[in-house]
Amino acid sequence: GNFVNAIIRIAEPVEPHFLWRPQLRDPGDEMVLEAAINGKADAIVTFNLRDYGTVPAQFGIEVFPPAHAIRRIRQ
């Protein structure tokens, strides 16, 4: 609960300005990447690293698992 509530407090809605599809192997992940690009995100946190591949790096976005994100937040 606390982690999710902290994320909700800092989250900002993102209106897509550009459609970047298709970029990924899995069409279900496209909207996440698109929101990250349009929202100028630094990272995508997911268990599904394989489907993102190297594409997010082309937009300056890192992709890492939740455990890594929690370690970074604690630093």
PDB file of N, CA and C in Angstrom:
ATOM      1  N   GLY A   1       0.730  -1.191   0.000  1.00  0.00           N
ATOM      2  CA  GLY A   1       0.000   0.000   0.000  1.00  0.00           C
ATOM      3  C   GLY A   1       0.788   1.286   0.000  1.00  0.00           C
ATOM      4  N   ASN A   2       1.816   1.441   0.834  1.00  0.00           N
ATOM      5  CA  ASN A   2       2.520   2.719   0.933  1.00  0.00           C
ATOM      6  C   ASN A   2       3.240   3.090  -0.351  1.00  0.00           C
ATOM      7  N   PHE A   3       3.865   2.100  -0.993  1.00  0.00           N
ATOM      8  CA  PHE A   3       4.584   2.370  -2.240  1.00  0.00           C
ATOM      9  C   PHE A   3       3.624   2.853  -3.314  1.00  0.00           C
ATOM     10  N   VAL A   4       2.512   2.151  -3.472  1.00  0.00           N
ATOM     11  CA  VAL A   4       1.524   2.532  -4.487  1.00  0.00           C
ATOM     12  C   VAL A   4       0.955   3.916  -4.185  1.00  0.00           C
ATOM     13  N   ASN A   5       0.651   4.191  -2.951  1.00  0.00           N
ATOM     14  CA  ASN A   5       0.126   5.512  -2.578  1.00  0.00           C
ATOM     15  C   ASN A   5       1.141   6.615  -2.863  1.00  0.00           C
ATOM     16  N   ALA A   6       2.418   6.336  -2.636  1.00  0.00           N
ATOM     17  CA  ALA A   6       3.454   7.331  -2.928  1.00  0.00           C
ATOM     18  C   ALA A   6       3.525   7.608  -4.425  1.00  0.00           C
ATOM     19  N   ILE A   7       3.418   6.576  -5.232  1.00  0.00           N
ATOM     20  CA  ILE A   7       3.434   6.752  -6.689  1.00  0.00           C
ATOM     21  C   ILE A   7       2.218   7.557  -7.137  1.00  0.00           C
ATOM     22  N   ILE A   8       1.073   7.256  -6.591  1.00  0.00           N
ATOM     23  CA  ILE A   8      -0.155   7.976  -6.958  1.00  0.00           C
ATOM     24  C   ILE A   8      -0.026   9.462  -6.636  1.00  0.00           C
ATOM     25  N   ARG A   9       0.594   9.789  -5.511  1.00  0.00           N
ATOM     26  CA  ARG A   9       0.745  11.193  -5.126  1.00  0.00           C
ATOM     27  C   ARG A   9       1.617  11.984  -6.099  1.00  0.00           C
ATOM     28  N   ILE A  10       2.586  11.335  -6.712  1.00  0.00           N
ATOM     29  CA  ILE A  10       3.483  12.068  -7.609  1.00  0.00           C
ATOM     30  C   ILE A  10       3.133  11.899  -9.087  1.00  0.00           C
ATOM     31  N   ALA A  11       2.197  11.010  -9.396  1.00  0.00           N
ATOM     32  CA  ALA A  11       1.837  10.750 -10.799  1.00  0.00           C
ATOM     33  C   ALA A  11       1.101  11.944 -11.407  1.00  0.00           C
ATOM     34  N   GLU A  12       1.352  12.151 -12.683  1.00  0.00           N
ATOM     35  CA  GLU A  12       0.668  13.205 -13.438  1.00  0.00           C
ATOM     36  C   GLU A  12       0.051  12.586 -14.686  1.00  0.00           C
ATOM     37  N   PRO A  13      -1.214  12.939 -14.988  1.00  0.00           N
ATOM     38  CA  PRO A  13      -1.828  12.419 -16.223  1.00  0.00           C
ATOM     39  C   PRO A  13      -1.055  12.907 -17.447  1.00  0.00           C
ATOM     40  N   VAL A  14      -0.991  12.062 -18.477  1.00  0.00           N
ATOM     41  CA  VAL A  14      -0.276  12.399 -19.699  1.00  0.00           C
ATOM     42  C   VAL A  14      -1.221  12.301 -20.886  1.00  0.00           C
ATOM     43  N   GLU A  15      -1.331  13.385 -21.608  1.00  0.00           N
ATOM     44  CA  GLU A  15      -2.092  13.395 -22.850  1.00  0.00           C
ATOM     45  C   GLU A  15      -1.129  13.074 -23.987  1.00  0.00           C
ATOM     46  N   PRO A  16      -1.437  12.059 -24.794  1.00  0.00           N
ATOM     47  CA  PRO A  16      -0.508  11.753 -25.897  1.00  0.00           C
ATOM     48  C   PRO A  16      -0.514  12.845 -26.950  1.00  0.00           C
ATOM     49  N   HIS A  17       0.675  13.300 -27.306  1.00  0.00           N
ATOM     50  CA  HIS A  17       0.818  14.312 -28.342  1.00  0.00           C
ATOM     51  C   HIS A  17       1.224  13.686 -29.668  1.00  0.00           C
ATOM     52  N   PHE A  18       1.915  12.548 -29.572  1.00  0.00           N
ATOM     53  CA  PHE A  18       2.354  11.830 -30.761  1.00  0.00           C
ATOM     54  C   PHE A  18       2.093  10.354 -30.555  1.00  0.00           C
ATOM     55  N   LEU A  19       1.740   9.666 -31.608  1.00  0.00           N
ATOM     56  CA  LEU A  19       1.584   8.222 -31.555  1.00  0.00           C
ATOM     57  C   LEU A  19       2.862   7.601 -32.097  1.00  0.00           C
ATOM     58  N   TRP A  20       3.482   6.744 -31.307  1.00  0.00           N
ATOM     59  CA  TRP A  20       4.768   6.162 -31.663  1.00  0.00           C
ATOM     60  C   TRP A  20       4.633   4.703 -32.100  1.00  0.00           C
ATOM     61  N   ARG A  21       3.416   4.222 -32.216  1.00  0.00           N
ATOM     62  CA  ARG A  21       3.209   2.808 -32.530  1.00  0.00           C
ATOM     63  C   ARG A  21       3.413   2.530 -34.002  1.00  0.00           C
ATOM     64  N   PRO A  22       3.826   1.325 -34.351  1.00  0.00           N
ATOM     65  CA  PRO A  22       4.308   0.221 -33.509  1.00  0.00           C
ATOM     66  C   PRO A  22       5.815   0.315 -33.288  1.00  0.00           C
ATOM     67  N   GLN A  23       6.246  -0.064 -32.116  1.00  0.00           N
ATOM     68  CA  GLN A  23       7.665  -0.074 -31.755  1.00  0.00           C
ATOM     69  C   GLN A  23       8.075  -1.403 -31.119  1.00  0.00           C
ATOM     70  N   LEU A  24       7.142  -2.056 -30.416  1.00  0.00           N
ATOM     71  CA  LEU A  24       7.482  -3.212 -29.587  1.00  0.00           C
ATOM     72  C   LEU A  24       6.943  -4.519 -30.142  1.00  0.00           C
ATOM     73  N   ARG A  25       7.475  -5.621 -29.614  1.00  0.00           N
ATOM     74  CA  ARG A  25       7.012  -6.961 -29.999  1.00  0.00           C
ATOM     75  C   ARG A  25       5.573  -7.208 -29.588  1.00  0.00           C
ATOM     76  N   ASP A  26       5.203  -6.728 -28.400  1.00  0.00           N
ATOM     77  CA  ASP A  26       3.878  -6.982 -27.844  1.00  0.00           C
ATOM     78  C   ASP A  26       3.033  -5.717 -27.952  1.00  0.00           C
ATOM     79  N   PRO A  27       1.991  -5.739 -28.787  1.00  0.00           N
ATOM     80  CA  PRO A  27       1.141  -4.552 -28.936  1.00  0.00           C
ATOM     81  C   PRO A  27       0.517  -4.083 -27.621  1.00  0.00           C
ATOM     82  N   GLY A  28       0.366  -4.977 -26.658  1.00  0.00           N
ATOM     83  CA  GLY A  28      -0.201  -4.609 -25.363  1.00  0.00           C
ATOM     84  C   GLY A  28       0.685  -3.676 -24.559  1.00  0.00           C
ATOM     85  N   ASP A  29       1.978  -3.629 -24.890  1.00  0.00           N
ATOM     86  CA  ASP A  29       2.915  -2.759 -24.172  1.00  0.00           C
ATOM     87  C   ASP A  29       3.090  -1.399 -24.839  1.00  0.00           C
ATOM     88  N   GLU A  30       2.550  -1.254 -26.020  1.00  0.00           N
ATOM     89  CA  GLU A  30       2.732  -0.012 -26.788  1.00  0.00           C
ATOM     90  C   GLU A  30       2.231   1.226 -26.043  1.00  0.00           C
ATOM     91  N   MET A  31       1.053   1.122 -25.403  1.00  0.00           N
ATOM     92  CA  MET A  31       0.503   2.314 -24.741  1.00  0.00           C
ATOM     93  C   MET A  31       1.357   2.738 -23.554  1.00  0.00           C
ATOM     94  N   VAL A  32       2.016   1.785 -22.899  1.00  0.00           N
ATOM     95  CA  VAL A  32       2.900   2.124 -21.776  1.00  0.00           C
ATOM     96  C   VAL A  32       4.115   2.898 -22.287  1.00  0.00           C
ATOM     97  N   LEU A  33       4.720   2.395 -23.353  1.00  0.00           N
ATOM     98  CA  LEU A  33       5.861   3.091 -23.935  1.00  0.00           C
ATOM     99  C   LEU A  33       5.451   4.466 -24.441  1.00  0.00           C
ATOM    100  N   GLU A  34       4.325   4.537 -25.094  1.00  0.00           N
ATOM    101  CA  GLU A  34       3.835   5.813 -25.625  1.00  0.00           C
ATOM    102  C   GLU A  34       3.595   6.833 -24.517  1.00  0.00           C
ATOM    103  N   ALA A  35       2.989   6.394 -23.419  1.00  0.00           N
ATOM    104  CA  ALA A  35       2.762   7.300 -22.280  1.00  0.00           C
ATOM    105  C   ALA A  35       4.094   7.743 -21.675  1.00  0.00           C
ATOM    106  N   ALA A  36       5.065   6.826 -21.606  1.00  0.00           N
ATOM    107  CA  ALA A  36       6.375   7.171 -21.063  1.00  0.00           C
ATOM    108  C   ALA A  36       7.075   8.208 -21.936  1.00  0.00           C
ATOM    109  N   ILE A  37       7.002   8.038 -23.240  1.00  0.00           N
ATOM    110  CA  ILE A  37       7.635   8.987 -24.157  1.00  0.00           C
ATOM    111  C   ILE A  37       6.968  10.350 -24.042  1.00  0.00           C
ATOM    112  N   ASN A  38       5.652  10.380 -24.152  1.00  0.00           N
ATOM    113  CA  ASN A  38       4.922  11.648 -24.107  1.00  0.00           C
ATOM    114  C   ASN A  38       5.001  12.317 -22.739  1.00  0.00           C
ATOM    115  N   GLY A  39       5.156  11.527 -21.685  1.00  0.00           N
ATOM    116  CA  GLY A  39       5.265  12.075 -20.338  1.00  0.00           C
ATOM    117  C   GLY A  39       6.690  12.396 -19.931  1.00  0.00           C
ATOM    118  N   LYS A  40       7.627  12.209 -20.878  1.00  0.00           N
ATOM    119  CA  LYS A  40       9.041  12.485 -20.614  1.00  0.00           C
ATOM    120  C   LYS A  40       9.566  11.702 -19.404  1.00  0.00           C
ATOM    121  N   ALA A  41       9.145  10.439 -19.318  1.00  0.00           N
ATOM    122  CA  ALA A  41       9.574   9.575 -18.217  1.00  0.00           C
ATOM    123  C   ALA A  41      11.040   9.203 -18.375  1.00  0.00           C
ATOM    124  N   ASP A  42      11.686   8.968 -17.254  1.00  0.00           N
ATOM    125  CA  ASP A  42      13.066   8.494 -17.249  1.00  0.00           C
ATOM    126  C   ASP A  42      13.124   6.973 -17.303  1.00  0.00           C
ATOM    127  N   ALA A  43      12.048   6.317 -16.822  1.00  0.00           N
ATOM    128  CA  ALA A  43      12.087   4.865 -16.714  1.00  0.00           C
ATOM    129  C   ALA A  43      10.699   4.253 -16.804  1.00  0.00           C
ATOM    130  N   ILE A  44      10.677   2.989 -17.187  1.00  0.00           N
ATOM    131  CA  ILE A  44       9.490   2.146 -17.130  1.00  0.00           C
ATOM    132  C   ILE A  44       9.836   1.024 -16.165  1.00  0.00           C
ATOM    133  N   VAL A  45       8.986   0.792 -15.178  1.00  0.00           N
ATOM    134  CA  VAL A  45       9.196  -0.269 -14.203  1.00  0.00           C
ATOM    135  C   VAL A  45       8.228  -1.392 -14.528  1.00  0.00           C
ATOM    136  N   THR A  46       8.771  -2.577 -14.799  1.00  0.00           N
ATOM    137  CA  THR A  46       7.941  -3.696 -15.232  1.00  0.00           C
ATOM    138  C   THR A  46       8.643  -5.023 -14.960  1.00  0.00           C
ATOM    139  N   PHE A  47       7.854  -6.082 -14.815  1.00  0.00           N
ATOM    140  CA  PHE A  47       8.403  -7.432 -14.765  1.00  0.00           C
ATOM    141  C   PHE A  47       8.671  -7.937 -16.184  1.00  0.00           C
ATOM    142  N   ASN A  48       8.107  -7.267 -17.170  1.00  0.00           N
ATOM    143  CA  ASN A  48       8.122  -7.698 -18.561  1.00  0.00           C
ATOM    144  C   ASN A  48       9.268  -7.052 -19.345  1.00  0.00           C
ATOM    145  N   LEU A  49      10.481  -7.222 -18.899  1.00  0.00           N
ATOM    146  CA  LEU A  49      11.644  -6.584 -19.528  1.00  0.00           C
ATOM    147  C   LEU A  49      11.863  -7.049 -20.963  1.00  0.00           C
ATOM    148  N   ARG A  50      11.652  -8.312 -21.212  1.00  0.00           N
ATOM    149  CA  ARG A  50      11.965  -8.901 -22.515  1.00  0.00           C
ATOM    150  C   ARG A  50      11.200  -8.243 -23.660  1.00  0.00           C
ATOM    151  N   ASP A  51       9.932  -7.929 -23.463  1.00  0.00           N
ATOM    152  CA  ASP A  51       9.127  -7.368 -24.553  1.00  0.00           C
ATOM    153  C   ASP A  51       9.511  -5.934 -24.907  1.00  0.00           C
ATOM    154  N   TYR A  52      10.171  -5.227 -24.004  1.00  0.00           N
ATOM    155  CA  TYR A  52      10.569  -3.850 -24.297  1.00  0.00           C
ATOM    156  C   TYR A  52      11.888  -3.780 -25.065  1.00  0.00           C
ATOM    157  N   GLY A  53      12.768  -4.735 -24.838  1.00  0.00           N
ATOM    158  CA  GLY A  53      14.036  -4.772 -25.559  1.00  0.00           C
ATOM    159  C   GLY A  53      14.808  -3.471 -25.419  1.00  0.00           C
ATOM    160  N   THR A  54      15.406  -3.012 -26.508  1.00  0.00           N
ATOM    161  CA  THR A  54      16.231  -1.803 -26.487  1.00  0.00           C
ATOM    162  C   THR A  54      15.488  -0.565 -26.983  1.00  0.00           C
ATOM    163  N   VAL A  55      14.244  -0.732 -27.386  1.00  0.00           N
ATOM    164  CA  VAL A  55      13.488   0.386 -27.962  1.00  0.00           C
ATOM    165  C   VAL A  55      13.380   1.579 -27.015  1.00  0.00           C
ATOM    166  N   PRO A  56      13.004   1.411 -25.735  1.00  0.00           N
ATOM    167  CA  PRO A  56      12.896   2.587 -24.861  1.00  0.00           C
ATOM    168  C   PRO A  56      14.185   3.400 -24.755  1.00  0.00           C
ATOM    169  N   ALA A  57      15.337   2.742 -24.830  1.00  0.00           N
ATOM    170  CA  ALA A  57      16.614   3.453 -24.744  1.00  0.00           C
ATOM    171  C   ALA A  57      16.768   4.462 -25.876  1.00  0.00           C
ATOM    172  N   GLN A  58      16.138   4.203 -27.006  1.00  0.00           N
ATOM    173  CA  GLN A  58      16.188   5.137 -28.130  1.00  0.00           C
ATOM    174  C   GLN A  58      15.501   6.461 -27.782  1.00  0.00           C
ATOM    175  N   PHE A  59      14.639   6.416 -26.777  1.00  0.00           N
ATOM    176  CA  PHE A  59      13.922   7.607 -26.327  1.00  0.00           C
ATOM    177  C   PHE A  59      14.466   8.110 -24.983  1.00  0.00           C
ATOM    178  N   GLY A  60      15.592   7.566 -24.540  1.00  0.00           N
ATOM    179  CA  GLY A  60      16.192   7.977 -23.272  1.00  0.00           C
ATOM    180  C   GLY A  60      15.481   7.417 -22.055  1.00  0.00           C
ATOM    181  N   ILE A  61      14.795   6.286 -22.220  1.00  0.00           N
ATOM    182  CA  ILE A  61      14.019   5.681 -21.138  1.00  0.00           C
ATOM    183  C   ILE A  61      14.653   4.357 -20.741  1.00  0.00           C
ATOM    184  N   GLU A  62      14.927   4.191 -19.453  1.00  0.00           N
ATOM    185  CA  GLU A  62      15.421   2.927 -18.924  1.00  0.00           C
ATOM    186  C   GLU A  62      14.236   2.014 -18.627  1.00  0.00           C
ATOM    187  N   VAL A  63      14.474   0.718 -18.666  1.00  0.00           N
ATOM    188  CA  VAL A  63      13.457  -0.264 -18.287  1.00  0.00           C
ATOM    189  C   VAL A  63      14.092  -1.190 -17.260  1.00  0.00           C
ATOM    190  N   PHE A  64      13.444  -1.305 -16.087  1.00  0.00           N
ATOM    191  CA  PHE A  64      13.984  -2.186 -15.067  1.00  0.00           C
ATOM    192  C   PHE A  64      12.872  -2.763 -14.208  1.00  0.00           C
ATOM    193  N   PRO A  65      13.186  -3.854 -13.482  1.00  0.00           N
ATOM    194  CA  PRO A  65      12.173  -4.524 -12.661  1.00  0.00           C
ATOM    195  C   PRO A  65      11.866  -3.749 -11.381  1.00  0.00           C
ATOM    196  N   PRO A  66      10.725  -4.054 -10.764  1.00  0.00           N
ATOM    197  CA  PRO A  66      10.317  -3.348  -9.541  1.00  0.00           C
ATOM    198  C   PRO A  66      11.358  -3.370  -8.427  1.00  0.00           C
ATOM    199  N   ALA A  67      12.047  -4.478  -8.218  1.00  0.00           N
ATOM    200  CA  ALA A  67      13.045  -4.537  -7.136  1.00  0.00           C
ATOM    201  C   ALA A  67      14.139  -3.494  -7.355  1.00  0.00           C
ATOM    202  N   HIS A  68      14.540  -3.300  -8.598  1.00  0.00           N
ATOM    203  CA  HIS A  68      15.555  -2.288  -8.912  1.00  0.00           C
ATOM    204  C   HIS A  68      15.007  -0.880  -8.637  1.00  0.00           C
ATOM    205  N   ALA A  69      13.754  -0.664  -8.984  1.00  0.00           N
ATOM    206  CA  ALA A  69      13.129   0.645  -8.745  1.00  0.00           C
ATOM    207  C   ALA A  69      13.071   0.958  -7.254  1.00  0.00           C
ATOM    208  N   ILE A  70      12.729  -0.026  -6.457  1.00  0.00           N
ATOM    209  CA  ILE A  70      12.653   0.184  -5.008  1.00  0.00           C
ATOM    210  C   ILE A  70      14.041   0.501  -4.446  1.00  0.00           C
ATOM    211  N   ARG A  71      15.074  -0.203  -4.925  1.00  0.00           N
ATOM    212  CA  ARG A  71      16.437   0.096  -4.474  1.00  0.00           C
ATOM    213  C   ARG A  71      16.832   1.513  -4.827  1.00  0.00           C
ATOM    214  N   ARG A  72      16.477   1.961  -6.013  1.00  0.00           N
ATOM    215  CA  ARG A  72      16.825   3.336  -6.434  1.00  0.00           C
ATOM    216  C   ARG A  72      16.086   4.369  -5.602  1.00  0.00           C
ATOM    217  N   ILE A  73      14.838   4.104  -5.283  1.00  0.00           N
ATOM    218  CA  ILE A  73      14.045   5.040  -4.475  1.00  0.00           C
ATOM    219  C   ILE A  73      14.639   5.160  -3.083  1.00  0.00           C
ATOM    220  N   ARG A  74      15.123   4.068  -2.537  1.00  0.00           N
ATOM    221  CA  ARG A  74      15.686   4.060  -1.171  1.00  0.00           C
ATOM    222  C   ARG A  74      17.025   4.768  -1.085  1.00  0.00           C
ATOM    223  N   GLN A  75      17.712   4.961  -2.201  1.00  0.00           N
ATOM    224  CA  GLN A  75      19.044   5.579  -2.172  1.00  0.00           C
ATOM    225  C   GLN A  75      18.979   7.026  -1.831  1.00  0.00           C
TER     226      GLN A  75
END
